[in-house]
Amino acid sequence: MIPNAGTLKVKIFADGADRARMLELYANSTIKGFTTNPTLMRQAGVSDYEAFAKDILRNISDRPISFEVFSDDFGDMERQALKIASWGGNVFVKIPVTNTKGESSTALIRQLVGQGVQLNVTAIFTIQQIDEVVDALKGTSYSYVSVFAGRIADSGRDPIPYMRHAVEACNRAGKMEVIWASPRELLNIFQADEIGCHVITVTPDIIKKLGGVGKDLGVFSLETVKLFYNDGAAARFKL
């Protein structure tokens, strides 16, 4: 079966914090939303969190964008979450599933849901975490459950059963969508789509590969042979 990007139902969110790249991807109607985190911001050289976020929101106001709290104290997380949420109606506040001590964030999640904050609960890895988060999000106006499928796969485990469980749980609960987080390859987009996952976060390097979906494999093979030949010639290798 030849894959077709045009038939995808899963929504693609761009993952990153490079301003120029984010605005470039905003012009692409395929990109339905954006996600960031403190690590991506640091890698992109962001020094002023609030200024960066507000600048992005002045340019992107009609698609969901997630910004993450960075405190490790639940009381301060709540303060940061309320401040971030005030920046725009398209803002989703990322809350880690636990703090660095491994203490569950579910009580905080319930508090924020009660205050009408749209959440993106992140760094979810286990079935138990999925169930606890879905339960804590009940009553949300709308929120995301972000399961790190790529990192689950990095542990040698098949992420599909985890993702199916999350999709079924969120569909039952309502007003929640599952994010397939940390994809490792373009194929993950089609895997997410096949199981009915609502959203997948995709880095710009994988987004670039969407142009090759359905490419003739014979042509792809010949291009690869030519690449190896041309690089060998350019290097002037001799035997």
C-alpha atoms as a PDB file:
ATOM      1  CA  MET A   1       0.000   0.000   0.000  1.00  0.00           C
ATOM      2  CA  ILE A   2       1.411   3.402  -1.006  1.00  0.00           C
ATOM      3  CA  PRO A   3       1.107   5.964   1.825  1.00  0.00           C
ATOM      4  CA  ASN A   4      -0.673   9.241   1.110  1.00  0.00           C
ATOM      5  CA  ALA A   5      -0.096  12.293   3.300  1.00  0.00           C
ATOM      6  CA  GLY A   6      -3.301  13.814   1.972  1.00  0.00           C
ATOM      7  CA  THR A   7      -5.468  11.236   3.750  1.00  0.00           C
ATOM      8  CA  LEU A   8      -4.010  11.749   7.233  1.00  0.00           C
ATOM      9  CA  LYS A   9      -6.500  12.542   9.979  1.00  0.00           C
ATOM     10  CA  VAL A  10      -3.936  12.946  12.776  1.00  0.00           C
ATOM     11  CA  LYS A  11      -3.104  16.611  13.395  1.00  0.00           C
ATOM     12  CA  ILE A  12       0.550  17.572  13.045  1.00  0.00           C
ATOM     13  CA  PHE A  13       1.936  20.008  15.635  1.00  0.00           C
ATOM     14  CA  ALA A  14       5.406  21.464  15.075  1.00  0.00           C
ATOM     15  CA  ASP A  15       7.752  20.903  18.007  1.00  0.00           C
ATOM     16  CA  GLY A  16      10.449  23.512  18.545  1.00  0.00           C
ATOM     17  CA  ALA A  17      11.328  26.982  19.788  1.00  0.00           C
ATOM     18  CA  ASP A  18      13.221  28.549  16.908  1.00  0.00           C
ATOM     19  CA  ARG A  19      11.237  31.709  16.122  1.00  0.00           C
ATOM     20  CA  ALA A  20      12.061  31.868  12.414  1.00  0.00           C
ATOM     21  CA  ARG A  21      11.273  28.191  11.895  1.00  0.00           C
ATOM     22  CA  MET A  22       8.012  28.458  13.833  1.00  0.00           C
ATOM     23  CA  LEU A  23       6.832  31.375  11.714  1.00  0.00           C
ATOM     24  CA  GLU A  24       7.905  29.583   8.547  1.00  0.00           C
ATOM     25  CA  LEU A  25       5.890  26.515   9.559  1.00  0.00           C
ATOM     26  CA  TYR A  26       2.922  28.708  10.490  1.00  0.00           C
ATOM     27  CA  ALA A  27       2.609  29.483   6.780  1.00  0.00           C
ATOM     28  CA  ASN A  28       2.157  25.755   6.147  1.00  0.00           C
ATOM     29  CA  SER A  29      -1.518  24.803   6.471  1.00  0.00           C
ATOM     30  CA  THR A  30      -0.485  21.210   7.261  1.00  0.00           C
ATOM     31  CA  ILE A  31       0.773  22.392  10.664  1.00  0.00           C
ATOM     32  CA  LYS A  32      -2.213  22.592  13.006  1.00  0.00           C
ATOM     33  CA  GLY A  33      -0.449  23.687  16.206  1.00  0.00           C
ATOM     34  CA  PHE A  34       2.843  24.165  18.037  1.00  0.00           C
ATOM     35  CA  THR A  35       4.561  22.807  21.146  1.00  0.00           C
ATOM     36  CA  THR A  36       7.594  24.059  23.049  1.00  0.00           C
ATOM     37  CA  ASN A  37       9.403  23.151  26.260  1.00  0.00           C
ATOM     38  CA  PRO A  38      12.229  24.657  28.350  1.00  0.00           C
ATOM     39  CA  THR A  39      14.836  22.359  26.758  1.00  0.00           C
ATOM     40  CA  LEU A  40      13.871  23.413  23.216  1.00  0.00           C
ATOM     41  CA  MET A  41      13.871  27.064  24.274  1.00  0.00           C
ATOM     42  CA  ARG A  42      17.324  26.767  25.769  1.00  0.00           C
ATOM     43  CA  GLN A  43      18.615  25.047  22.631  1.00  0.00           C
ATOM     44  CA  ALA A  44      17.154  27.881  20.540  1.00  0.00           C
ATOM     45  CA  GLY A  45      18.933  30.478  22.667  1.00  0.00           C
ATOM     46  CA  VAL A  46      15.809  31.939  24.276  1.00  0.00           C
ATOM     47  CA  SER A  47      16.841  34.066  27.267  1.00  0.00           C
ATOM     48  CA  ASP A  48      13.559  35.817  28.124  1.00  0.00           C
ATOM     49  CA  TYR A  49      10.780  33.215  28.392  1.00  0.00           C
ATOM     50  CA  GLU A  50       7.829  35.616  28.605  1.00  0.00           C
ATOM     51  CA  ALA A  51       9.064  37.971  25.888  1.00  0.00           C
ATOM     52  CA  PHE A  52       9.646  35.054  23.530  1.00  0.00           C
ATOM     53  CA  ALA A  53       6.213  33.563  24.176  1.00  0.00           C
ATOM     54  CA  LYS A  54       4.350  36.839  23.773  1.00  0.00           C
ATOM     55  CA  ASP A  55       6.212  37.624  20.549  1.00  0.00           C
ATOM     56  CA  ILE A  56       5.237  34.236  19.117  1.00  0.00           C
ATOM     57  CA  LEU A  57       1.632  34.727  20.213  1.00  0.00           C
ATOM     58  CA  ARG A  58       1.453  38.089  18.446  1.00  0.00           C
ATOM     59  CA  ASN A  59       2.252  36.214  15.239  1.00  0.00           C
ATOM     60  CA  ILE A  60       0.397  32.945  15.917  1.00  0.00           C
ATOM     61  CA  SER A  61      -2.948  33.544  17.569  1.00  0.00           C
ATOM     62  CA  ASP A  62      -5.245  31.089  15.806  1.00  0.00           C
ATOM     63  CA  ARG A  63      -3.596  27.704  16.428  1.00  0.00           C
ATOM     64  CA  PRO A  64      -2.930  25.931  19.732  1.00  0.00           C
ATOM     65  CA  ILE A  65       0.499  26.553  21.288  1.00  0.00           C
ATOM     66  CA  SER A  66       1.830  24.846  24.404  1.00  0.00           C
ATOM     67  CA  PHE A  67       4.216  26.563  26.831  1.00  0.00           C
ATOM     68  CA  GLU A  68       5.559  24.635  29.826  1.00  0.00           C
ATOM     69  CA  VAL A  69       5.950  25.642  33.470  1.00  0.00           C
ATOM     70  CA  PHE A  70       9.504  25.275  34.741  1.00  0.00           C
ATOM     71  CA  SER A  71       9.139  25.318  38.524  1.00  0.00           C
ATOM     72  CA  ASP A  72       9.480  22.137  40.588  1.00  0.00           C
ATOM     73  CA  ASP A  73       7.180  23.358  43.374  1.00  0.00           C
ATOM     74  CA  PHE A  74       3.489  22.698  42.808  1.00  0.00           C
ATOM     75  CA  GLY A  75       2.404  26.000  44.330  1.00  0.00           C
ATOM     76  CA  ASP A  76       4.740  27.917  42.054  1.00  0.00           C
ATOM     77  CA  MET A  77       3.730  25.726  39.098  1.00  0.00           C
ATOM     78  CA  GLU A  78       0.155  26.897  39.659  1.00  0.00           C
ATOM     79  CA  ARG A  79       1.264  30.552  39.700  1.00  0.00           C
ATOM     80  CA  GLN A  80       3.255  30.088  36.499  1.00  0.00           C
ATOM     81  CA  ALA A  81       0.413  28.157  34.847  1.00  0.00           C
ATOM     82  CA  LEU A  82      -2.135  30.894  35.522  1.00  0.00           C
ATOM     83  CA  LYS A  83       0.243  33.538  34.189  1.00  0.00           C
ATOM     84  CA  ILE A  84       1.003  31.550  31.019  1.00  0.00           C
ATOM     85  CA  ALA A  85      -2.694  30.805  30.454  1.00  0.00           C
ATOM     86  CA  SER A  86      -3.470  34.553  30.584  1.00  0.00           C
ATOM     87  CA  TRP A  87      -1.379  35.185  27.473  1.00  0.00           C
ATOM     88  CA  GLY A  88      -3.998  33.978  24.996  1.00  0.00           C
ATOM     89  CA  GLY A  89      -7.009  31.820  24.275  1.00  0.00           C
ATOM     90  CA  ASN A  90      -4.919  29.500  22.082  1.00  0.00           C
ATOM     91  CA  VAL A  91      -2.412  28.806  24.892  1.00  0.00           C
ATOM     92  CA  PHE A  92      -2.163  25.388  26.512  1.00  0.00           C
ATOM     93  CA  VAL A  93      -0.079  25.114  29.664  1.00  0.00           C
ATOM     94  CA  LYS A  94       2.256  22.136  29.823  1.00  0.00           C
ATOM     95  CA  ILE A  95       2.378  20.495  33.234  1.00  0.00           C
ATOM     96  CA  PRO A  96       4.790  17.577  33.808  1.00  0.00           C
ATOM     97  CA  VAL A  97       3.103  14.424  35.071  1.00  0.00           C
ATOM     98  CA  THR A  98       5.330  14.549  38.195  1.00  0.00           C
ATOM     99  CA  ASN A  99       7.878  16.910  39.691  1.00  0.00           C
ATOM    100  CA  THR A 100      11.555  15.935  39.905  1.00  0.00           C
ATOM    101  CA  LYS A 101      10.911  14.097  43.182  1.00  0.00           C
ATOM    102  CA  GLY A 102       8.472  11.781  41.391  1.00  0.00           C
ATOM    103  CA  GLU A 103       5.458  13.302  43.174  1.00  0.00           C
ATOM    104  CA  SER A 104       2.284  13.175  41.088  1.00  0.00           C
ATOM    105  CA  SER A 105       0.920  16.389  39.575  1.00  0.00           C
ATOM    106  CA  THR A 106      -2.696  15.185  39.571  1.00  0.00           C
ATOM    107  CA  ALA A 107      -3.806  17.421  42.452  1.00  0.00           C
ATOM    108  CA  LEU A 108      -2.410  20.468  40.637  1.00  0.00           C
ATOM    109  CA  ILE A 109      -4.037  19.329  37.389  1.00  0.00           C
ATOM    110  CA  ARG A 110      -7.434  19.169  39.119  1.00  0.00           C
ATOM    111  CA  GLN A 111      -6.928  22.647  40.590  1.00  0.00           C
ATOM    112  CA  LEU A 112      -6.057  24.126  37.203  1.00  0.00           C
ATOM    113  CA  VAL A 113      -8.942  22.360  35.466  1.00  0.00           C
ATOM    114  CA  GLY A 114     -11.219  23.915  38.075  1.00  0.00           C
ATOM    115  CA  GLN A 115      -9.811  27.334  37.160  1.00  0.00           C
ATOM    116  CA  GLY A 116     -10.519  26.807  33.460  1.00  0.00           C
ATOM    117  CA  VAL A 117      -6.887  26.393  32.351  1.00  0.00           C
ATOM    118  CA  GLN A 118      -6.318  24.456  29.126  1.00  0.00           C
ATOM    119  CA  LEU A 119      -3.581  21.921  29.851  1.00  0.00           C
ATOM    120  CA  ASN A 120      -1.077  19.756  28.051  1.00  0.00           C
ATOM    121  CA  VAL A 121       0.045  17.162  30.587  1.00  0.00           C
ATOM    122  CA  THR A 122       3.473  16.026  29.462  1.00  0.00           C
ATOM    123  CA  ALA A 123       6.197  13.391  30.015  1.00  0.00           C
ATOM    124  CA  ILE A 124       3.667  10.555  30.377  1.00  0.00           C
ATOM    125  CA  PHE A 125       5.183   7.087  29.985  1.00  0.00           C
ATOM    126  CA  THR A 126       3.075   4.495  31.828  1.00  0.00           C
ATOM    127  CA  ILE A 127      -0.459   3.106  31.671  1.00  0.00           C
ATOM    128  CA  GLN A 128      -0.976   4.131  35.300  1.00  0.00           C
ATOM    129  CA  GLN A 129       0.048   7.705  34.499  1.00  0.00           C
ATOM    130  CA  ILE A 130      -2.334   7.789  31.538  1.00  0.00           C
ATOM    131  CA  ASP A 131      -5.266   6.655  33.674  1.00  0.00           C
ATOM    132  CA  GLU A 132      -4.457   9.043  36.532  1.00  0.00           C
ATOM    133  CA  VAL A 133      -4.071  12.032  34.216  1.00  0.00           C
ATOM    134  CA  VAL A 134      -7.268  11.311  32.267  1.00  0.00           C
ATOM    135  CA  ASP A 135      -9.147  11.075  35.551  1.00  0.00           C
ATOM    136  CA  ALA A 136      -7.621  14.333  36.827  1.00  0.00           C
ATOM    137  CA  LEU A 137      -8.530  16.143  33.603  1.00  0.00           C
ATOM    138  CA  LYS A 138     -12.244  15.323  33.789  1.00  0.00           C
ATOM    139  CA  GLY A 139     -14.223  18.531  33.547  1.00  0.00           C
ATOM    140  CA  THR A 140     -11.571  20.249  31.412  1.00  0.00           C
ATOM    141  CA  SER A 141     -12.678  22.783  28.812  1.00  0.00           C
ATOM    142  CA  TYR A 142     -10.118  21.095  26.541  1.00  0.00           C
ATOM    143  CA  SER A 143      -6.724  19.543  27.209  1.00  0.00           C
ATOM    144  CA  TYR A 144      -4.018  17.276  25.815  1.00  0.00           C
ATOM    145  CA  VAL A 145      -2.534  14.049  27.193  1.00  0.00           C
ATOM    146  CA  SER A 146       1.033  13.864  25.900  1.00  0.00           C
ATOM    147  CA  VAL A 147       2.441  10.315  25.840  1.00  0.00           C
ATOM    148  CA  PHE A 148       6.109  10.005  24.909  1.00  0.00           C
ATOM    149  CA  ALA A 149       5.833   7.182  22.409  1.00  0.00           C
ATOM    150  CA  GLY A 150       9.310   7.732  20.986  1.00  0.00           C
ATOM    151  CA  ARG A 151      11.019   7.468  24.350  1.00  0.00           C
ATOM    152  CA  ILE A 152       8.915   4.438  25.273  1.00  0.00           C
ATOM    153  CA  ALA A 153      10.252   2.851  22.071  1.00  0.00           C
ATOM    154  CA  ASP A 154      13.786   3.850  23.095  1.00  0.00           C
ATOM    155  CA  SER A 155      13.350   1.525  26.089  1.00  0.00           C
ATOM    156  CA  GLY A 156      12.759  -1.420  23.734  1.00  0.00           C
ATOM    157  CA  ARG A 157       8.993  -1.435  24.349  1.00  0.00           C
ATOM    158  CA  ASP A 158       6.346  -1.238  21.632  1.00  0.00           C
ATOM    159  CA  PRO A 159       4.571   2.113  22.212  1.00  0.00           C
ATOM    160  CA  ILE A 160       1.445   1.176  20.261  1.00  0.00           C
ATOM    161  CA  PRO A 161      -0.408  -0.522  23.174  1.00  0.00           C
ATOM    162  CA  TYR A 162       0.272   2.538  25.366  1.00  0.00           C
ATOM    163  CA  MET A 163      -0.997   4.883  22.673  1.00  0.00           C
ATOM    164  CA  ARG A 164      -4.112   2.803  21.970  1.00  0.00           C
ATOM    165  CA  HIS A 165      -4.900   2.776  25.681  1.00  0.00           C
ATOM    166  CA  ALA A 166      -4.525   6.560  25.862  1.00  0.00           C
ATOM    167  CA  VAL A 167      -6.704   7.156  22.795  1.00  0.00           C
ATOM    168  CA  GLU A 168      -9.475   4.912  24.127  1.00  0.00           C
ATOM    169  CA  ALA A 169      -9.335   6.530  27.586  1.00  0.00           C
ATOM    170  CA  CYS A 170      -9.464  10.081  26.197  1.00  0.00           C
ATOM    171  CA  ASN A 171     -12.257   9.254  23.764  1.00  0.00           C
ATOM    172  CA  ARG A 172     -14.323   7.877  26.636  1.00  0.00           C
ATOM    173  CA  ALA A 173     -13.630  10.900  28.835  1.00  0.00           C
ATOM    174  CA  GLY A 174     -14.227  13.530  26.156  1.00  0.00           C
ATOM    175  CA  LYS A 175     -12.727  16.989  25.663  1.00  0.00           C
ATOM    176  CA  MET A 176      -9.212  15.539  25.654  1.00  0.00           C
ATOM    177  CA  GLU A 177      -6.844  14.620  22.855  1.00  0.00           C
ATOM    178  CA  VAL A 178      -3.808  12.345  22.890  1.00  0.00           C
ATOM    179  CA  ILE A 179      -0.490  13.671  21.651  1.00  0.00           C
ATOM    180  CA  TRP A 180       1.993  11.139  20.242  1.00  0.00           C
ATOM    181  CA  ALA A 181       5.134  12.850  21.545  1.00  0.00           C
ATOM    182  CA  SER A 182       8.818  12.385  20.646  1.00  0.00           C
ATOM    183  CA  PRO A 183       8.394  10.623  17.278  1.00  0.00           C
ATOM    184  CA  ARG A 184      11.595   9.192  15.865  1.00  0.00           C
ATOM    185  CA  GLU A 185      10.723   8.876  12.165  1.00  0.00           C
ATOM    186  CA  LEU A 186       8.143   9.861   9.587  1.00  0.00           C
ATOM    187  CA  LEU A 187       6.522   6.412   9.771  1.00  0.00           C
ATOM    188  CA  ASN A 188       5.346   7.324  13.296  1.00  0.00           C
ATOM    189  CA  ILE A 189       2.908   9.844  11.767  1.00  0.00           C
ATOM    190  CA  PHE A 190       1.183   7.044   9.862  1.00  0.00           C
ATOM    191  CA  GLN A 191       1.269   4.757  12.904  1.00  0.00           C
ATOM    192  CA  ALA A 192      -0.366   7.475  14.991  1.00  0.00           C
ATOM    193  CA  ASP A 193      -2.976   8.023  12.304  1.00  0.00           C
ATOM    194  CA  GLU A 194      -3.760   4.306  12.036  1.00  0.00           C
ATOM    195  CA  ILE A 195      -4.655   3.968  15.731  1.00  0.00           C
ATOM    196  CA  GLY A 196      -6.755   7.135  15.765  1.00  0.00           C
ATOM    197  CA  CYS A 197      -4.305   9.263  17.737  1.00  0.00           C
ATOM    198  CA  HIS A 198      -5.467  12.861  17.666  1.00  0.00           C
ATOM    199  CA  VAL A 199      -2.165  14.760  17.474  1.00  0.00           C
ATOM    200  CA  ILE A 200       1.501  14.061  16.821  1.00  0.00           C
ATOM    201  CA  THR A 201       4.285  16.531  17.624  1.00  0.00           C
ATOM    202  CA  VAL A 202       6.858  16.580  14.840  1.00  0.00           C
ATOM    203  CA  THR A 203      10.273  18.221  14.618  1.00  0.00           C
ATOM    204  CA  PRO A 204      11.143  20.300  11.531  1.00  0.00           C
ATOM    205  CA  ASP A 205      13.551  17.650  10.195  1.00  0.00           C
ATOM    206  CA  ILE A 206      10.736  15.072  10.080  1.00  0.00           C
ATOM    207  CA  ILE A 207       8.268  17.602   8.666  1.00  0.00           C
ATOM    208  CA  LYS A 208      10.647  18.089   5.736  1.00  0.00           C
ATOM    209  CA  LYS A 209      10.319  14.388   4.914  1.00  0.00           C
ATOM    210  CA  LEU A 210       6.566  14.702   4.299  1.00  0.00           C
ATOM    211  CA  GLY A 211       7.418  15.749   0.746  1.00  0.00           C
ATOM    212  CA  GLY A 212       8.776  12.247   0.104  1.00  0.00           C
ATOM    213  CA  VAL A 213       5.670  10.345   1.212  1.00  0.00           C
ATOM    214  CA  GLY A 214       4.633   7.794  -1.422  1.00  0.00           C
ATOM    215  CA  LYS A 215       7.856   8.205  -3.384  1.00  0.00           C
ATOM    216  CA  ASP A 216       8.606   5.415  -5.854  1.00  0.00           C
ATOM    217  CA  LEU A 217      11.043   3.082  -4.077  1.00  0.00           C
ATOM    218  CA  GLY A 218      12.842   2.208  -7.291  1.00  0.00           C
ATOM    219  CA  VAL A 219      13.558   5.881  -7.901  1.00  0.00           C
ATOM    220  CA  PHE A 220      14.567   6.259  -4.254  1.00  0.00           C
ATOM    221  CA  SER A 221      16.980   3.331  -4.617  1.00  0.00           C
ATOM    222  CA  LEU A 222      18.618   4.808  -7.715  1.00  0.00           C
ATOM    223  CA  GLU A 223      18.996   8.205  -6.043  1.00  0.00           C
ATOM    224  CA  THR A 224      20.715   6.519  -3.113  1.00  0.00           C
ATOM    225  CA  VAL A 225      23.133   4.660  -5.405  1.00  0.00           C
ATOM    226  CA  LYS A 226      23.948   7.916  -7.172  1.00  0.00           C
ATOM    227  CA  LEU A 227      24.516   9.663  -3.839  1.00  0.00           C
ATOM    228  CA  PHE A 228      27.062   7.052  -2.746  1.00  0.00           C
ATOM    229  CA  TYR A 229      28.786   7.126  -6.146  1.00  0.00           C
ATOM    230  CA  ASN A 230      28.993  10.920  -6.287  1.00  0.00           C
ATOM    231  CA  ASP A 231      30.337  11.183  -2.745  1.00  0.00           C
ATOM    232  CA  GLY A 232      32.975   8.542  -3.473  1.00  0.00           C
ATOM    233  CA  ALA A 233      34.002  10.443  -6.603  1.00  0.00           C
ATOM    234  CA  ALA A 234      34.066  13.790  -4.758  1.00  0.00           C
ATOM    235  CA  ALA A 235      36.294  12.280  -2.073  1.00  0.00           C
ATOM    236  CA  ARG A 236      38.664  10.947  -4.822  1.00  0.00           C
ATOM    237  CA  PHE A 237      38.890   7.589  -3.124  1.00  0.00           C
ATOM    238  CA  LYS A 238      41.377   5.136  -4.673  1.00  0.00           C
ATOM    239  CA  LEU A 239      42.088   1.439  -4.194  1.00  0.00           C
END
